[in-house]
Structures are given as C-alpha cells and as structure tokens.
C-alpha atoms as a PDB file:
ATOM      1  CA  MET A   1      -0.645   8.088  31.064  1.00  0.00           C
ATOM      2  CA  ASP A   2      -3.920   8.047  32.713  1.00  0.00           C
ATOM      3  CA  ASN A   3      -4.921   4.511  32.833  1.00  0.00           C
ATOM      4  CA  ASP A   4      -8.670   4.902  33.033  1.00  0.00           C
ATOM      5  CA  ILE A   5      -9.108   6.671  29.825  1.00  0.00           C
ATOM      6  CA  TYR A   6      -7.087   4.178  27.898  1.00  0.00           C
ATOM      7  CA  ASN A   7      -8.392   1.019  29.573  1.00  0.00           C
ATOM      8  CA  PRO A   8     -11.212   0.499  26.712  1.00  0.00           C
ATOM      9  CA  LEU A   9      -8.678   1.029  24.497  1.00  0.00           C
ATOM     10  CA  VAL A  10      -6.168  -1.414  25.683  1.00  0.00           C
ATOM     11  CA  ARG A  11      -8.904  -4.313  26.201  1.00  0.00           C
ATOM     12  CA  ASP A  12     -10.025  -3.835  22.537  1.00  0.00           C
ATOM     13  CA  LEU A  13      -6.453  -4.166  21.168  1.00  0.00           C
ATOM     14  CA  ALA A  14      -5.471  -7.024  23.447  1.00  0.00           C
ATOM     15  CA  ASP A  15      -8.605  -8.674  22.309  1.00  0.00           C
ATOM     16  CA  ARG A  16      -7.873  -8.557  18.916  1.00  0.00           C
ATOM     17  CA  VAL A  17      -4.162  -9.778  19.579  1.00  0.00           C
ATOM     18  CA  ASN A  18      -5.649 -12.516  21.896  1.00  0.00           C
ATOM     19  CA  LYS A  19      -7.871 -13.788  19.149  1.00  0.00           C
ATOM     20  CA  ILE A  20      -5.124 -14.196  16.626  1.00  0.00           C
ATOM     21  CA  VAL A  21      -2.408 -15.435  19.009  1.00  0.00           C
ATOM     22  CA  ASN A  22      -2.676 -18.482  21.069  1.00  0.00           C
ATOM     23  CA  ILE A  23       0.017 -19.088  23.499  1.00  0.00           C
ATOM     24  CA  PRO A  24       0.237 -22.692  24.231  1.00  0.00           C
ATOM     25  CA  LEU A  25      -0.330 -24.030  27.920  1.00  0.00           C
ATOM     26  CA  VAL A  26      -1.674 -20.848  29.135  1.00  0.00           C
ATOM     27  CA  ASN A  27      -5.385 -20.351  29.913  1.00  0.00           C
ATOM     28  CA  GLU A  28      -7.371 -17.676  28.022  1.00  0.00           C
ATOM     29  CA  GLU A  29      -7.619 -15.181  31.120  1.00  0.00           C
ATOM     30  CA  ASN A  30      -3.976 -15.367  31.567  1.00  0.00           C
ATOM     31  CA  GLU A  31      -3.282 -14.854  27.921  1.00  0.00           C
ATOM     32  CA  GLN A  32      -5.673 -11.611  27.892  1.00  0.00           C
ATOM     33  CA  ILE A  33      -3.869 -10.208  30.943  1.00  0.00           C
ATOM     34  CA  PHE A  34      -0.581 -10.816  29.314  1.00  0.00           C
ATOM     35  CA  PHE A  35      -1.664  -9.173  26.192  1.00  0.00           C
ATOM     36  CA  GLU A  36      -3.147  -6.042  27.994  1.00  0.00           C
ATOM     37  CA  LEU A  37       0.076  -5.512  29.626  1.00  0.00           C
ATOM     38  CA  VAL A  38       2.027  -5.719  26.266  1.00  0.00           C
ATOM     39  CA  VAL A  39      -0.351  -3.496  24.735  1.00  0.00           C
ATOM     40  CA  THR A  40      -0.350  -0.988  27.756  1.00  0.00           C
ATOM     41  CA  ILE A  41       3.604  -0.801  27.579  1.00  0.00           C
ATOM     42  CA  LEU A  42       3.724  -0.301  23.919  1.00  0.00           C
ATOM     43  CA  LEU A  43       1.135   2.476  23.852  1.00  0.00           C
ATOM     44  CA  GLN A  44       2.824   3.988  26.553  1.00  0.00           C
ATOM     45  CA  LEU A  45       6.299   3.963  24.563  1.00  0.00           C
ATOM     46  CA  PHE A  46       4.467   5.180  21.365  1.00  0.00           C
ATOM     47  CA  LEU A  47       2.854   8.120  23.495  1.00  0.00           C
ATOM     48  CA  ASP A  48       6.126   9.006  25.005  1.00  0.00           C
ATOM     49  CA  THR A  49       7.789   9.148  21.862  1.00  0.00           C
ATOM     50  CA  LEU A  50       5.003  11.284  20.204  1.00  0.00           C
ATOM     51  CA  ASP A  51       5.430  13.602  23.236  1.00  0.00           C
ATOM     52  CA  ASN A  52       9.327  14.053  22.751  1.00  0.00           C
ATOM     53  CA  ASN A  53       8.641  15.224  19.187  1.00  0.00           C
END
C-alpha cells in the first residue's frame, strides 16, 4: 500500500476515533499516533482481503 495516498484517509479516520475514545494517562499526541497506526493496520488488512477475493 502506498502510504502517501492513504495518509489523509488514515489521519481523518484516526481523528474521528480519537475524538470518541480516550485512553487514560496518555497525551493526545500519542493517542493520535496510536490510532493512526491501528487504522493503517486495519486498512491494510481490509485492502489485502479485497485483493485476495
């Protein structure tokens, strides 16, 4: 997956998740990085599944 193409999508989805979910004792910047990583992994798994079908 080309990360340059999906970065805006990942950031937008991670922003939405970050606004809904609050992880105690973690600052907002680290939460955002964490959610961007999670969204990237999930998006990659989803696209790989579509590619296999």
